């Protein structure tokens, strides 16, 4: 795979976010020209977001070309102008209002960012003849489904949070653009991403901070939860592989028994996870070992919008781009903990 032969420029939205920043650095290391877009909102620490941008700039001084625009994707006029200016062949859309629990008390934010913003992205790609749109969906779309591991041929008609509902809506909107305008779209359902430079609102950061400060950590559903934790480098590898393999028509698509993950138009949906779910209490055990301190566990009931377990069937993505995650949870937690201790020692 030689990006220089395949691409002139890639736009990445959510470029100051956890996955977006890691992807931008990886693309730059492949000598790509990366146009980053992010509104740097204050849902969590803007200091952390700007620190990620600084890390991207360090990479860009050695390889690739990096240009950043601080704008909201809800601003259709400005977004469209940027897409027109750079004429990207590939558009990776990772910007969104994140968080399942936050969506319960702040629904309007999700409508604007995840629906209106995504509509603007689709329209910008259509008008400017983008060759391939890759966008972030989520394992949360499986909702109340308890038939594990989740596979892409299962129906996703029972979301249990507004966040999940917006992600399913994104998949439907993308299919419409693939159908009406022949825009190749690839949706990636992420499964519990973790690692260095992660989000402060997610369990690894919340737990690490509380453990080191001798504060109780809330362990929901009495700890009887399983998650398909996926290390950030494995996620980025999967995204990049999908970047360079455009969504195509499924020649075997049967309209009498339609497969939700493919179509008679250039549209694909893939799980992207580790396919090795672990119990939440084991995750905490590994954190305790890596941080050298015991956790104070505050066992809590199940929270609205949460699901008991997630697990990804990875057969489709493995077949599509030969994807296989390689980072064990033990190694991933060690690397995360090392980064956490170093970053917050120098940025406390």
C-alpha atoms as a PDB file:
ATOM      1  CA  UNK A   1       0.000   0.000   0.000  1.00  0.00           C
ATOM      2  CA  UNK A   2       1.589   3.252  -1.126  1.00  0.00           C
ATOM      3  CA  UNK A   3      -0.574   6.246  -0.170  1.00  0.00           C
ATOM      4  CA  UNK A   4       1.329   8.592  -2.501  1.00  0.00           C
ATOM      5  CA  UNK A   5       0.133   6.593  -5.464  1.00  0.00           C
ATOM      6  CA  UNK A   6      -3.459   6.442  -4.221  1.00  0.00           C
ATOM      7  CA  UNK A   7      -4.191   9.776  -2.602  1.00  0.00           C
ATOM      8  CA  UNK A   8      -3.366  13.461  -2.620  1.00  0.00           C
ATOM      9  CA  UNK A   9      -5.132  14.566   0.535  1.00  0.00           C
ATOM     10  CA  UNK A  10      -7.259  13.131   3.339  1.00  0.00           C
ATOM     11  CA  UNK A  11      -9.635  15.161   5.481  1.00  0.00           C
ATOM     12  CA  UNK A  12     -10.067  13.944   9.063  1.00  0.00           C
ATOM     13  CA  UNK A  13     -12.814  15.455  11.204  1.00  0.00           C
ATOM     14  CA  UNK A  14     -12.541  15.147  14.958  1.00  0.00           C
ATOM     15  CA  UNK A  15      -8.799  15.498  14.477  1.00  0.00           C
ATOM     16  CA  UNK A  16      -8.202  16.704  18.045  1.00  0.00           C
ATOM     17  CA  UNK A  17     -10.129  13.733  19.400  1.00  0.00           C
ATOM     18  CA  UNK A  18      -8.736  10.467  20.693  1.00  0.00           C
ATOM     19  CA  UNK A  19      -9.076   8.400  17.525  1.00  0.00           C
ATOM     20  CA  UNK A  20      -8.769  11.328  15.117  1.00  0.00           C
ATOM     21  CA  UNK A  21      -5.420  12.489  16.471  1.00  0.00           C
ATOM     22  CA  UNK A  22      -3.976   8.976  16.445  1.00  0.00           C
ATOM     23  CA  UNK A  23      -5.174   8.497  12.873  1.00  0.00           C
ATOM     24  CA  UNK A  24      -3.744  11.836  11.743  1.00  0.00           C
ATOM     25  CA  UNK A  25      -0.304  10.925  13.106  1.00  0.00           C
ATOM     26  CA  UNK A  26      -0.397   7.539  11.412  1.00  0.00           C
ATOM     27  CA  UNK A  27      -1.424   9.020   8.055  1.00  0.00           C
ATOM     28  CA  UNK A  28       1.314  11.645   8.278  1.00  0.00           C
ATOM     29  CA  UNK A  29       3.852   8.900   8.926  1.00  0.00           C
ATOM     30  CA  UNK A  30       2.731   7.452   5.567  1.00  0.00           C
ATOM     31  CA  UNK A  31       3.559  10.814   3.921  1.00  0.00           C
ATOM     32  CA  UNK A  32      -0.081  11.775   3.407  1.00  0.00           C
ATOM     33  CA  UNK A  33      -1.359  15.330   3.366  1.00  0.00           C
ATOM     34  CA  UNK A  34      -3.854  15.530   6.210  1.00  0.00           C
ATOM     35  CA  UNK A  35      -6.426  18.285   6.675  1.00  0.00           C
ATOM     36  CA  UNK A  36      -7.694  18.205  10.244  1.00  0.00           C
ATOM     37  CA  UNK A  37     -11.031  19.642  11.339  1.00  0.00           C
ATOM     38  CA  UNK A  38     -12.230  19.998  14.932  1.00  0.00           C
ATOM     39  CA  UNK A  39     -14.262  22.522  16.906  1.00  0.00           C
ATOM     40  CA  UNK A  40     -12.300  21.895  20.154  1.00  0.00           C
ATOM     41  CA  UNK A  41     -15.498  21.870  22.225  1.00  0.00           C
ATOM     42  CA  UNK A  42     -15.363  21.682  26.015  1.00  0.00           C
ATOM     43  CA  UNK A  43     -17.185  18.367  26.491  1.00  0.00           C
ATOM     44  CA  UNK A  44     -13.875  17.358  28.060  1.00  0.00           C
ATOM     45  CA  UNK A  45     -10.488  19.017  28.590  1.00  0.00           C
ATOM     46  CA  UNK A  46      -9.526  21.328  25.737  1.00  0.00           C
ATOM     47  CA  UNK A  47      -5.992  21.242  27.145  1.00  0.00           C
ATOM     48  CA  UNK A  48      -5.796  17.537  26.320  1.00  0.00           C
ATOM     49  CA  UNK A  49      -7.186  18.150  22.838  1.00  0.00           C
ATOM     50  CA  UNK A  50      -4.623  20.853  22.109  1.00  0.00           C
ATOM     51  CA  UNK A  51      -1.860  18.636  23.486  1.00  0.00           C
ATOM     52  CA  UNK A  52      -2.893  16.001  20.946  1.00  0.00           C
ATOM     53  CA  UNK A  53      -2.665  18.621  18.188  1.00  0.00           C
ATOM     54  CA  UNK A  54       0.846  19.467  19.361  1.00  0.00           C
ATOM     55  CA  UNK A  55       1.790  15.796  19.012  1.00  0.00           C
ATOM     56  CA  UNK A  56       0.415  15.774  15.470  1.00  0.00           C
ATOM     57  CA  UNK A  57       2.473  18.837  14.605  1.00  0.00           C
ATOM     58  CA  UNK A  58       5.625  17.101  15.857  1.00  0.00           C
ATOM     59  CA  UNK A  59       5.023  14.236  13.433  1.00  0.00           C
ATOM     60  CA  UNK A  60       4.256  16.620  10.566  1.00  0.00           C
ATOM     61  CA  UNK A  61       7.652  18.310  10.943  1.00  0.00           C
ATOM     62  CA  UNK A  62       9.245  15.027   9.888  1.00  0.00           C
ATOM     63  CA  UNK A  63       6.738  13.507   7.460  1.00  0.00           C
ATOM     64  CA  UNK A  64       3.589  14.378   5.560  1.00  0.00           C
ATOM     65  CA  UNK A  65       1.788  17.717   5.529  1.00  0.00           C
ATOM     66  CA  UNK A  66      -0.632  18.879   8.218  1.00  0.00           C
ATOM     67  CA  UNK A  67      -3.188  21.686   8.019  1.00  0.00           C
ATOM     68  CA  UNK A  68      -5.713  22.290  10.797  1.00  0.00           C
ATOM     69  CA  UNK A  69      -9.038  24.175  10.796  1.00  0.00           C
ATOM     70  CA  UNK A  70     -10.857  24.888  14.049  1.00  0.00           C
ATOM     71  CA  UNK A  71     -14.485  24.876  12.886  1.00  0.00           C
ATOM     72  CA  UNK A  72     -17.744  23.102  13.779  1.00  0.00           C
ATOM     73  CA  UNK A  73     -19.080  20.630  11.237  1.00  0.00           C
ATOM     74  CA  UNK A  74     -22.507  22.117  11.916  1.00  0.00           C
ATOM     75  CA  UNK A  75     -21.372  25.168   9.923  1.00  0.00           C
ATOM     76  CA  UNK A  76     -22.273  23.879   6.485  1.00  0.00           C
ATOM     77  CA  UNK A  77     -20.944  26.868   4.557  1.00  0.00           C
ATOM     78  CA  UNK A  78     -17.470  26.830   6.087  1.00  0.00           C
ATOM     79  CA  UNK A  79     -17.201  23.035   5.959  1.00  0.00           C
ATOM     80  CA  UNK A  80     -18.190  22.996   2.293  1.00  0.00           C
ATOM     81  CA  UNK A  81     -15.611  25.673   1.484  1.00  0.00           C
ATOM     82  CA  UNK A  82     -12.848  23.627   3.134  1.00  0.00           C
ATOM     83  CA  UNK A  83     -13.782  20.456   1.267  1.00  0.00           C
ATOM     84  CA  UNK A  84     -13.888  22.404  -2.006  1.00  0.00           C
ATOM     85  CA  UNK A  85     -10.522  24.058  -1.306  1.00  0.00           C
ATOM     86  CA  UNK A  86      -8.603  20.828  -0.728  1.00  0.00           C
ATOM     87  CA  UNK A  87     -10.535  18.434  -3.033  1.00  0.00           C
ATOM     88  CA  UNK A  88      -9.857  15.313  -0.940  1.00  0.00           C
ATOM     89  CA  UNK A  89     -10.183  11.860  -2.424  1.00  0.00           C
ATOM     90  CA  UNK A  90     -10.801  10.355   1.009  1.00  0.00           C
ATOM     91  CA  UNK A  91     -12.818  11.838   3.880  1.00  0.00           C
ATOM     92  CA  UNK A  92     -12.619  10.248   7.342  1.00  0.00           C
ATOM     93  CA  UNK A  93     -15.432  11.516   9.536  1.00  0.00           C
ATOM     94  CA  UNK A  94     -14.763  10.971  13.243  1.00  0.00           C
ATOM     95  CA  UNK A  95     -16.236  14.180  14.671  1.00  0.00           C
ATOM     96  CA  UNK A  96     -19.323  13.641  16.825  1.00  0.00           C
ATOM     97  CA  UNK A  97     -20.756  14.436  20.191  1.00  0.00           C
ATOM     98  CA  UNK A  98     -19.536  11.411  22.109  1.00  0.00           C
ATOM     99  CA  UNK A  99     -20.771   9.698  25.256  1.00  0.00           C
ATOM    100  CA  UNK A 100     -23.763   7.493  25.952  1.00  0.00           C
ATOM    101  CA  UNK A 101     -24.638   8.836  29.414  1.00  0.00           C
ATOM    102  CA  UNK A 102     -24.243  12.490  28.382  1.00  0.00           C
ATOM    103  CA  UNK A 103     -26.835  11.961  25.644  1.00  0.00           C
ATOM    104  CA  UNK A 104     -29.488  11.202  28.267  1.00  0.00           C
ATOM    105  CA  UNK A 105     -29.355  14.723  29.709  1.00  0.00           C
ATOM    106  CA  UNK A 106     -28.176  16.673  26.634  1.00  0.00           C
ATOM    107  CA  UNK A 107     -30.066  15.256  23.639  1.00  0.00           C
ATOM    108  CA  UNK A 108     -30.131  18.418  21.510  1.00  0.00           C
ATOM    109  CA  UNK A 109     -26.319  18.498  21.282  1.00  0.00           C
ATOM    110  CA  UNK A 110     -26.363  15.067  19.640  1.00  0.00           C
ATOM    111  CA  UNK A 111     -28.989  16.088  17.113  1.00  0.00           C
ATOM    112  CA  UNK A 112     -26.887  19.046  15.976  1.00  0.00           C
ATOM    113  CA  UNK A 113     -23.474  17.365  15.865  1.00  0.00           C
ATOM    114  CA  UNK A 114     -24.291  13.780  14.973  1.00  0.00           C
ATOM    115  CA  UNK A 115     -27.202  14.337  12.602  1.00  0.00           C
ATOM    116  CA  UNK A 116     -26.975  17.877  11.213  1.00  0.00           C
ATOM    117  CA  UNK A 117     -23.180  17.736  11.174  1.00  0.00           C
ATOM    118  CA  UNK A 118     -23.152  14.364   9.429  1.00  0.00           C
ATOM    119  CA  UNK A 119     -25.651  15.604   6.846  1.00  0.00           C
ATOM    120  CA  UNK A 120     -23.263  18.470   6.104  1.00  0.00           C
ATOM    121  CA  UNK A 121     -20.396  16.015   5.658  1.00  0.00           C
ATOM    122  CA  UNK A 122     -22.419  13.868   3.265  1.00  0.00           C
ATOM    123  CA  UNK A 123     -23.483  16.864   1.223  1.00  0.00           C
ATOM    124  CA  UNK A 124     -19.939  18.241   1.120  1.00  0.00           C
ATOM    125  CA  UNK A 125     -18.638  14.890  -0.111  1.00  0.00           C
ATOM    126  CA  UNK A 126     -21.342  14.685  -2.768  1.00  0.00           C
ATOM    127  CA  UNK A 127     -20.859  18.206  -4.075  1.00  0.00           C
ATOM    128  CA  UNK A 128     -17.085  17.877  -4.225  1.00  0.00           C
ATOM    129  CA  UNK A 129     -16.941  14.353  -5.648  1.00  0.00           C
ATOM    130  CA  UNK A 130     -15.076  12.753  -2.750  1.00  0.00           C
ATOM    131  CA  UNK A 131     -14.081   9.221  -3.785  1.00  0.00           C
ATOM    132  CA  UNK A 132     -14.648   7.503  -0.434  1.00  0.00           C
ATOM    133  CA  UNK A 133     -16.244   8.484   2.881  1.00  0.00           C
ATOM    134  CA  UNK A 134     -15.249   6.502   5.988  1.00  0.00           C
ATOM    135  CA  UNK A 135     -17.239   7.390   9.087  1.00  0.00           C
ATOM    136  CA  UNK A 136     -17.456   6.388  12.734  1.00  0.00           C
ATOM    137  CA  UNK A 137     -20.409   4.341  13.804  1.00  0.00           C
ATOM    138  CA  UNK A 138     -20.474   2.530  17.145  1.00  0.00           C
ATOM    139  CA  UNK A 139     -21.019  -0.825  18.799  1.00  0.00           C
ATOM    140  CA  UNK A 140     -23.788   0.931  20.724  1.00  0.00           C
ATOM    141  CA  UNK A 141     -26.082   0.501  17.691  1.00  0.00           C
ATOM    142  CA  UNK A 142     -26.575  -3.136  18.758  1.00  0.00           C
ATOM    143  CA  UNK A 143     -28.525  -1.784  21.730  1.00  0.00           C
ATOM    144  CA  UNK A 144     -30.684  -4.341  23.472  1.00  0.00           C
ATOM    145  CA  UNK A 145     -29.331  -7.231  21.411  1.00  0.00           C
ATOM    146  CA  UNK A 146     -27.851  -9.943  23.626  1.00  0.00           C
ATOM    147  CA  UNK A 147     -26.898 -12.367  20.861  1.00  0.00           C
ATOM    148  CA  UNK A 148     -23.099 -12.293  21.198  1.00  0.00           C
ATOM    149  CA  UNK A 149     -20.776 -11.809  19.450  1.00  0.00           C
ATOM    150  CA  UNK A 150     -22.419  -9.029  17.484  1.00  0.00           C
ATOM    151  CA  UNK A 151     -22.188  -9.407  13.738  1.00  0.00           C
ATOM    152  CA  UNK A 152     -23.060  -6.927  11.025  1.00  0.00           C
ATOM    153  CA  UNK A 153     -25.894  -9.032   9.604  1.00  0.00           C
ATOM    154  CA  UNK A 154     -27.902  -8.625  12.807  1.00  0.00           C
ATOM    155  CA  UNK A 155     -30.669  -6.026  12.920  1.00  0.00           C
ATOM    156  CA  UNK A 156     -29.925  -2.875  14.944  1.00  0.00           C
ATOM    157  CA  UNK A 157     -33.471  -1.687  15.564  1.00  0.00           C
ATOM    158  CA  UNK A 158     -33.418  -1.379  19.344  1.00  0.00           C
ATOM    159  CA  UNK A 159     -31.002   1.370  20.456  1.00  0.00           C
ATOM    160  CA  UNK A 160     -31.009   2.120  24.186  1.00  0.00           C
ATOM    161  CA  UNK A 161     -29.498   5.625  24.006  1.00  0.00           C
ATOM    162  CA  UNK A 162     -29.901   8.655  21.790  1.00  0.00           C
ATOM    163  CA  UNK A 163     -26.196   8.422  20.986  1.00  0.00           C
ATOM    164  CA  UNK A 164     -26.770   4.932  19.568  1.00  0.00           C
ATOM    165  CA  UNK A 165     -29.819   6.145  17.663  1.00  0.00           C
ATOM    166  CA  UNK A 166     -27.790   8.910  15.999  1.00  0.00           C
ATOM    167  CA  UNK A 167     -25.120   6.403  14.959  1.00  0.00           C
ATOM    168  CA  UNK A 168     -27.686   4.101  13.382  1.00  0.00           C
ATOM    169  CA  UNK A 169     -29.158   7.166  11.672  1.00  0.00           C
ATOM    170  CA  UNK A 170     -25.713   7.929  10.249  1.00  0.00           C
ATOM    171  CA  UNK A 171     -25.589   4.482   8.671  1.00  0.00           C
ATOM    172  CA  UNK A 172     -29.014   5.011   7.088  1.00  0.00           C
ATOM    173  CA  UNK A 173     -28.099   8.478   5.842  1.00  0.00           C
ATOM    174  CA  UNK A 174     -24.857   7.162   4.342  1.00  0.00           C
ATOM    175  CA  UNK A 175     -26.713   4.409   2.518  1.00  0.00           C
ATOM    176  CA  UNK A 176     -29.077   6.959   1.005  1.00  0.00           C
ATOM    177  CA  UNK A 177     -26.155   8.957  -0.383  1.00  0.00           C
ATOM    178  CA  UNK A 178     -24.516   5.792  -1.677  1.00  0.00           C
ATOM    179  CA  UNK A 179     -27.791   4.949  -3.416  1.00  0.00           C
ATOM    180  CA  UNK A 180     -28.765   8.353  -4.779  1.00  0.00           C
ATOM    181  CA  UNK A 181     -25.348   9.795  -5.592  1.00  0.00           C
ATOM    182  CA  UNK A 182     -23.080   6.746  -5.956  1.00  0.00           C
ATOM    183  CA  UNK A 183     -20.943   7.961  -3.032  1.00  0.00           C
ATOM    184  CA  UNK A 184     -18.893   5.035  -1.634  1.00  0.00           C
ATOM    185  CA  UNK A 185     -19.341   4.960   2.144  1.00  0.00           C
ATOM    186  CA  UNK A 186     -17.804   2.728   4.807  1.00  0.00           C
ATOM    187  CA  UNK A 187     -19.161   2.759   8.343  1.00  0.00           C
ATOM    188  CA  UNK A 188     -17.001   1.419  11.181  1.00  0.00           C
ATOM    189  CA  UNK A 189     -18.641   0.276  14.399  1.00  0.00           C
ATOM    190  CA  UNK A 190     -15.991   0.936  17.062  1.00  0.00           C
ATOM    191  CA  UNK A 191     -15.849  -1.270  20.155  1.00  0.00           C
ATOM    192  CA  UNK A 192     -14.609   0.423  23.371  1.00  0.00           C
ATOM    193  CA  UNK A 193     -11.377   2.041  22.207  1.00  0.00           C
ATOM    194  CA  UNK A 194      -8.682   2.676  24.826  1.00  0.00           C
ATOM    195  CA  UNK A 195      -5.020   3.622  25.017  1.00  0.00           C
ATOM    196  CA  UNK A 196      -2.657   6.614  25.387  1.00  0.00           C
ATOM    197  CA  UNK A 197      -4.232  10.028  24.795  1.00  0.00           C
ATOM    198  CA  UNK A 198      -7.679   8.578  25.521  1.00  0.00           C
ATOM    199  CA  UNK A 199     -10.864  10.362  26.514  1.00  0.00           C
ATOM    200  CA  UNK A 200     -11.207  11.509  30.153  1.00  0.00           C
ATOM    201  CA  UNK A 201     -14.900  10.548  30.174  1.00  0.00           C
ATOM    202  CA  UNK A 202     -14.188   6.861  29.495  1.00  0.00           C
ATOM    203  CA  UNK A 203     -13.495   4.130  32.046  1.00  0.00           C
ATOM    204  CA  UNK A 204      -9.682   3.821  31.682  1.00  0.00           C
ATOM    205  CA  UNK A 205      -9.043   7.502  32.423  1.00  0.00           C
ATOM    206  CA  UNK A 206     -11.769   7.767  35.077  1.00  0.00           C
ATOM    207  CA  UNK A 207     -10.518   4.666  36.865  1.00  0.00           C
ATOM    208  CA  UNK A 208      -6.831   5.591  36.644  1.00  0.00           C
ATOM    209  CA  UNK A 209      -7.451   9.059  38.049  1.00  0.00           C
ATOM    210  CA  UNK A 210      -9.553   7.742  40.949  1.00  0.00           C
ATOM    211  CA  UNK A 211      -7.159   4.921  41.799  1.00  0.00           C
ATOM    212  CA  UNK A 212      -4.175   7.271  41.986  1.00  0.00           C
ATOM    213  CA  UNK A 213      -6.145   9.775  44.098  1.00  0.00           C
ATOM    214  CA  UNK A 214      -7.523   7.118  46.461  1.00  0.00           C
ATOM    215  CA  UNK A 215     -11.059   7.914  45.346  1.00  0.00           C
ATOM    216  CA  UNK A 216     -13.800   5.310  44.868  1.00  0.00           C
ATOM    217  CA  UNK A 217     -14.534   4.181  41.330  1.00  0.00           C
ATOM    218  CA  UNK A 218     -18.113   3.483  40.300  1.00  0.00           C
ATOM    219  CA  UNK A 219     -18.386  -0.061  38.992  1.00  0.00           C
ATOM    220  CA  UNK A 220     -21.749  -0.421  37.327  1.00  0.00           C
ATOM    221  CA  UNK A 221     -23.929  -3.530  37.314  1.00  0.00           C
ATOM    222  CA  UNK A 222     -21.920  -4.755  40.311  1.00  0.00           C
ATOM    223  CA  UNK A 223     -18.990  -5.338  37.940  1.00  0.00           C
ATOM    224  CA  UNK A 224     -20.923  -7.920  35.915  1.00  0.00           C
ATOM    225  CA  UNK A 225     -20.106  -6.266  32.599  1.00  0.00           C
ATOM    226  CA  UNK A 226     -17.978  -7.346  29.650  1.00  0.00           C
ATOM    227  CA  UNK A 227     -16.444  -5.054  27.057  1.00  0.00           C
ATOM    228  CA  UNK A 228     -14.569  -5.699  23.824  1.00  0.00           C
ATOM    229  CA  UNK A 229     -11.708  -3.318  24.670  1.00  0.00           C
ATOM    230  CA  UNK A 230      -9.731  -2.433  21.535  1.00  0.00           C
ATOM    231  CA  UNK A 231      -6.311  -0.758  21.629  1.00  0.00           C
ATOM    232  CA  UNK A 232      -6.013   2.523  19.734  1.00  0.00           C
ATOM    233  CA  UNK A 233      -3.206   1.389  17.404  1.00  0.00           C
ATOM    234  CA  UNK A 234      -5.292  -1.582  16.278  1.00  0.00           C
ATOM    235  CA  UNK A 235      -8.238   0.712  15.575  1.00  0.00           C
ATOM    236  CA  UNK A 236      -6.082   3.086  13.536  1.00  0.00           C
ATOM    237  CA  UNK A 237      -4.640   0.207  11.512  1.00  0.00           C
ATOM    238  CA  UNK A 238      -8.156  -0.904  10.624  1.00  0.00           C
ATOM    239  CA  UNK A 239      -9.244   2.590   9.590  1.00  0.00           C
ATOM    240  CA  UNK A 240      -6.216   3.052   7.359  1.00  0.00           C
ATOM    241  CA  UNK A 241      -6.766  -0.286   5.663  1.00  0.00           C
ATOM    242  CA  UNK A 242     -10.360   0.740   4.934  1.00  0.00           C
ATOM    243  CA  UNK A 243      -9.217   4.130   3.622  1.00  0.00           C
ATOM    244  CA  UNK A 244      -7.365   2.433   0.820  1.00  0.00           C
ATOM    245  CA  UNK A 245     -10.101  -0.034  -0.082  1.00  0.00           C
ATOM    246  CA  UNK A 246     -13.157   1.770  -1.351  1.00  0.00           C
ATOM    247  CA  UNK A 247     -16.639   0.497  -0.509  1.00  0.00           C
ATOM    248  CA  UNK A 248     -18.068  -1.434  -3.443  1.00  0.00           C
ATOM    249  CA  UNK A 249     -21.335  -2.954  -4.584  1.00  0.00           C
ATOM    250  CA  UNK A 250     -22.055  -6.417  -3.213  1.00  0.00           C
ATOM    251  CA  UNK A 251     -22.564  -8.533  -6.315  1.00  0.00           C
ATOM    252  CA  UNK A 252     -24.313 -11.180  -4.220  1.00  0.00           C
ATOM    253  CA  UNK A 253     -26.735  -8.777  -2.544  1.00  0.00           C
ATOM    254  CA  UNK A 254     -30.195 -10.319  -2.366  1.00  0.00           C
ATOM    255  CA  UNK A 255     -33.055  -7.783  -2.092  1.00  0.00           C
ATOM    256  CA  UNK A 256     -35.391 -10.589  -1.010  1.00  0.00           C
ATOM    257  CA  UNK A 257     -33.178 -11.205   2.011  1.00  0.00           C
ATOM    258  CA  UNK A 258     -31.098  -8.039   2.355  1.00  0.00           C
ATOM    259  CA  UNK A 259     -27.809  -8.088   4.239  1.00  0.00           C
ATOM    260  CA  UNK A 260     -27.660  -4.965   6.469  1.00  0.00           C
ATOM    261  CA  UNK A 261     -23.880  -4.700   6.108  1.00  0.00           C
ATOM    262  CA  UNK A 262     -23.740  -4.464   2.299  1.00  0.00           C
ATOM    263  CA  UNK A 263     -25.938  -3.311  -0.553  1.00  0.00           C
ATOM    264  CA  UNK A 264     -26.531  -3.139  -4.280  1.00  0.00           C
ATOM    265  CA  UNK A 265     -24.812   0.255  -4.008  1.00  0.00           C
ATOM    266  CA  UNK A 266     -21.234   1.086  -2.818  1.00  0.00           C
ATOM    267  CA  UNK A 267     -21.925   0.791   0.906  1.00  0.00           C
ATOM    268  CA  UNK A 268     -20.265  -1.254   3.648  1.00  0.00           C
ATOM    269  CA  UNK A 269     -20.601  -1.623   7.416  1.00  0.00           C
ATOM    270  CA  UNK A 270     -17.927  -3.289   9.556  1.00  0.00           C
ATOM    271  CA  UNK A 271     -17.339  -4.046  13.203  1.00  0.00           C
ATOM    272  CA  UNK A 272     -13.904  -2.956  14.341  1.00  0.00           C
ATOM    273  CA  UNK A 273     -12.992  -4.437  17.689  1.00  0.00           C
ATOM    274  CA  UNK A 274     -10.748  -6.916  19.409  1.00  0.00           C
ATOM    275  CA  UNK A 275     -13.158  -9.890  19.416  1.00  0.00           C
ATOM    276  CA  UNK A 276     -11.868 -10.815  22.904  1.00  0.00           C
ATOM    277  CA  UNK A 277     -14.217  -9.256  25.471  1.00  0.00           C
ATOM    278  CA  UNK A 278     -13.074  -9.172  29.081  1.00  0.00           C
ATOM    279  CA  UNK A 279     -14.869  -8.668  32.366  1.00  0.00           C
ATOM    280  CA  UNK A 280     -14.754  -5.147  33.769  1.00  0.00           C
ATOM    281  CA  UNK A 281     -13.307  -6.377  37.051  1.00  0.00           C
ATOM    282  CA  UNK A 282     -10.335  -7.931  35.201  1.00  0.00           C
ATOM    283  CA  UNK A 283      -9.768  -4.609  33.447  1.00  0.00           C
ATOM    284  CA  UNK A 284      -9.615  -2.949  36.872  1.00  0.00           C
ATOM    285  CA  UNK A 285      -7.236  -5.644  38.145  1.00  0.00           C
ATOM    286  CA  UNK A 286      -4.841  -4.891  35.285  1.00  0.00           C
ATOM    287  CA  UNK A 287      -5.017  -1.155  35.990  1.00  0.00           C
ATOM    288  CA  UNK A 288      -4.238  -1.747  39.654  1.00  0.00           C
ATOM    289  CA  UNK A 289      -1.194  -3.809  38.711  1.00  0.00           C
ATOM    290  CA  UNK A 290       0.086  -1.267  36.165  1.00  0.00           C
ATOM    291  CA  UNK A 291      -0.484   1.746  38.429  1.00  0.00           C
ATOM    292  CA  UNK A 292       0.791   0.013  41.568  1.00  0.00           C
ATOM    293  CA  UNK A 293      -2.274   0.875  43.654  1.00  0.00           C
ATOM    294  CA  UNK A 294      -5.496  -0.854  44.646  1.00  0.00           C
ATOM    295  CA  UNK A 295      -8.866   0.524  43.595  1.00  0.00           C
ATOM    296  CA  UNK A 296     -11.662   1.423  45.986  1.00  0.00           C
ATOM    297  CA  UNK A 297     -14.681  -0.113  44.251  1.00  0.00           C
ATOM    298  CA  UNK A 298     -18.133   1.437  44.640  1.00  0.00           C
ATOM    299  CA  UNK A 299     -20.486  -1.192  43.207  1.00  0.00           C
ATOM    300  CA  UNK A 300     -23.437   0.435  41.449  1.00  0.00           C
ATOM    301  CA  UNK A 301     -26.581  -0.803  39.641  1.00  0.00           C
ATOM    302  CA  UNK A 302     -26.883  -0.795  35.858  1.00  0.00           C
ATOM    303  CA  UNK A 303     -27.116   2.698  34.377  1.00  0.00           C
ATOM    304  CA  UNK A 304     -29.693   3.851  31.803  1.00  0.00           C
ATOM    305  CA  UNK A 305     -28.324   3.627  28.261  1.00  0.00           C
ATOM    306  CA  UNK A 306     -25.671   1.029  29.133  1.00  0.00           C
ATOM    307  CA  UNK A 307     -25.503  -2.564  27.939  1.00  0.00           C
ATOM    308  CA  UNK A 308     -24.212  -5.531  29.900  1.00  0.00           C
ATOM    309  CA  UNK A 309     -21.796  -6.848  27.301  1.00  0.00           C
ATOM    310  CA  UNK A 310     -20.251  -6.139  23.912  1.00  0.00           C
ATOM    311  CA  UNK A 311     -18.299  -8.496  21.693  1.00  0.00           C
ATOM    312  CA  UNK A 312     -17.388  -8.067  18.044  1.00  0.00           C
ATOM    313  CA  UNK A 313     -17.469 -10.716  15.371  1.00  0.00           C
ATOM    314  CA  UNK A 314     -14.561  -9.584  13.193  1.00  0.00           C
ATOM    315  CA  UNK A 315     -14.916 -11.973  10.265  1.00  0.00           C
ATOM    316  CA  UNK A 316     -16.156  -9.372   7.776  1.00  0.00           C
ATOM    317  CA  UNK A 317     -13.370  -6.838   8.311  1.00  0.00           C
ATOM    318  CA  UNK A 318     -10.764  -9.599   8.397  1.00  0.00           C
ATOM    319  CA  UNK A 319     -12.008 -10.827   5.033  1.00  0.00           C
ATOM    320  CA  UNK A 320     -12.279  -7.307   3.592  1.00  0.00           C
ATOM    321  CA  UNK A 321      -8.859  -5.873   4.484  1.00  0.00           C
ATOM    322  CA  UNK A 322      -7.026  -8.709   6.259  1.00  0.00           C
ATOM    323  CA  UNK A 323      -7.506  -6.943   9.593  1.00  0.00           C
ATOM    324  CA  UNK A 324      -6.496  -8.583  12.851  1.00  0.00           C
ATOM    325  CA  UNK A 325      -5.845  -6.731  16.122  1.00  0.00           C
ATOM    326  CA  UNK A 326      -2.518  -7.645  17.714  1.00  0.00           C
ATOM    327  CA  UNK A 327      -2.426  -5.833  21.074  1.00  0.00           C
ATOM    328  CA  UNK A 328      -3.347  -7.914  24.127  1.00  0.00           C
ATOM    329  CA  UNK A 329      -5.329  -6.257  26.896  1.00  0.00           C
ATOM    330  CA  UNK A 330      -2.389  -6.814  29.262  1.00  0.00           C
ATOM    331  CA  UNK A 331       0.029  -4.971  26.968  1.00  0.00           C
ATOM    332  CA  UNK A 332      -2.508  -2.276  26.122  1.00  0.00           C
ATOM    333  CA  UNK A 333      -3.246  -1.440  29.755  1.00  0.00           C
ATOM    334  CA  UNK A 334       0.481  -1.318  30.533  1.00  0.00           C
ATOM    335  CA  UNK A 335       1.101   1.126  27.670  1.00  0.00           C
ATOM    336  CA  UNK A 336      -1.895   3.233  28.660  1.00  0.00           C
ATOM    337  CA  UNK A 337      -0.777   3.370  32.301  1.00  0.00           C
ATOM    338  CA  UNK A 338       2.767   4.362  31.361  1.00  0.00           C
ATOM    339  CA  UNK A 339       1.432   7.206  29.223  1.00  0.00           C
ATOM    340  CA  UNK A 340      -1.031   8.294  31.910  1.00  0.00           C
ATOM    341  CA  UNK A 341       1.593   8.505  34.627  1.00  0.00           C
ATOM    342  CA  UNK A 342       3.987  10.410  32.370  1.00  0.00           C
ATOM    343  CA  UNK A 343       1.410  12.838  30.947  1.00  0.00           C
ATOM    344  CA  UNK A 344      -0.203  13.816  34.214  1.00  0.00           C
ATOM    345  CA  UNK A 345       3.140  14.030  35.999  1.00  0.00           C
ATOM    346  CA  UNK A 346       4.091  16.743  33.524  1.00  0.00           C
ATOM    347  CA  UNK A 347       0.617  18.280  33.112  1.00  0.00           C
ATOM    348  CA  UNK A 348      -0.870  18.160  36.600  1.00  0.00           C
END
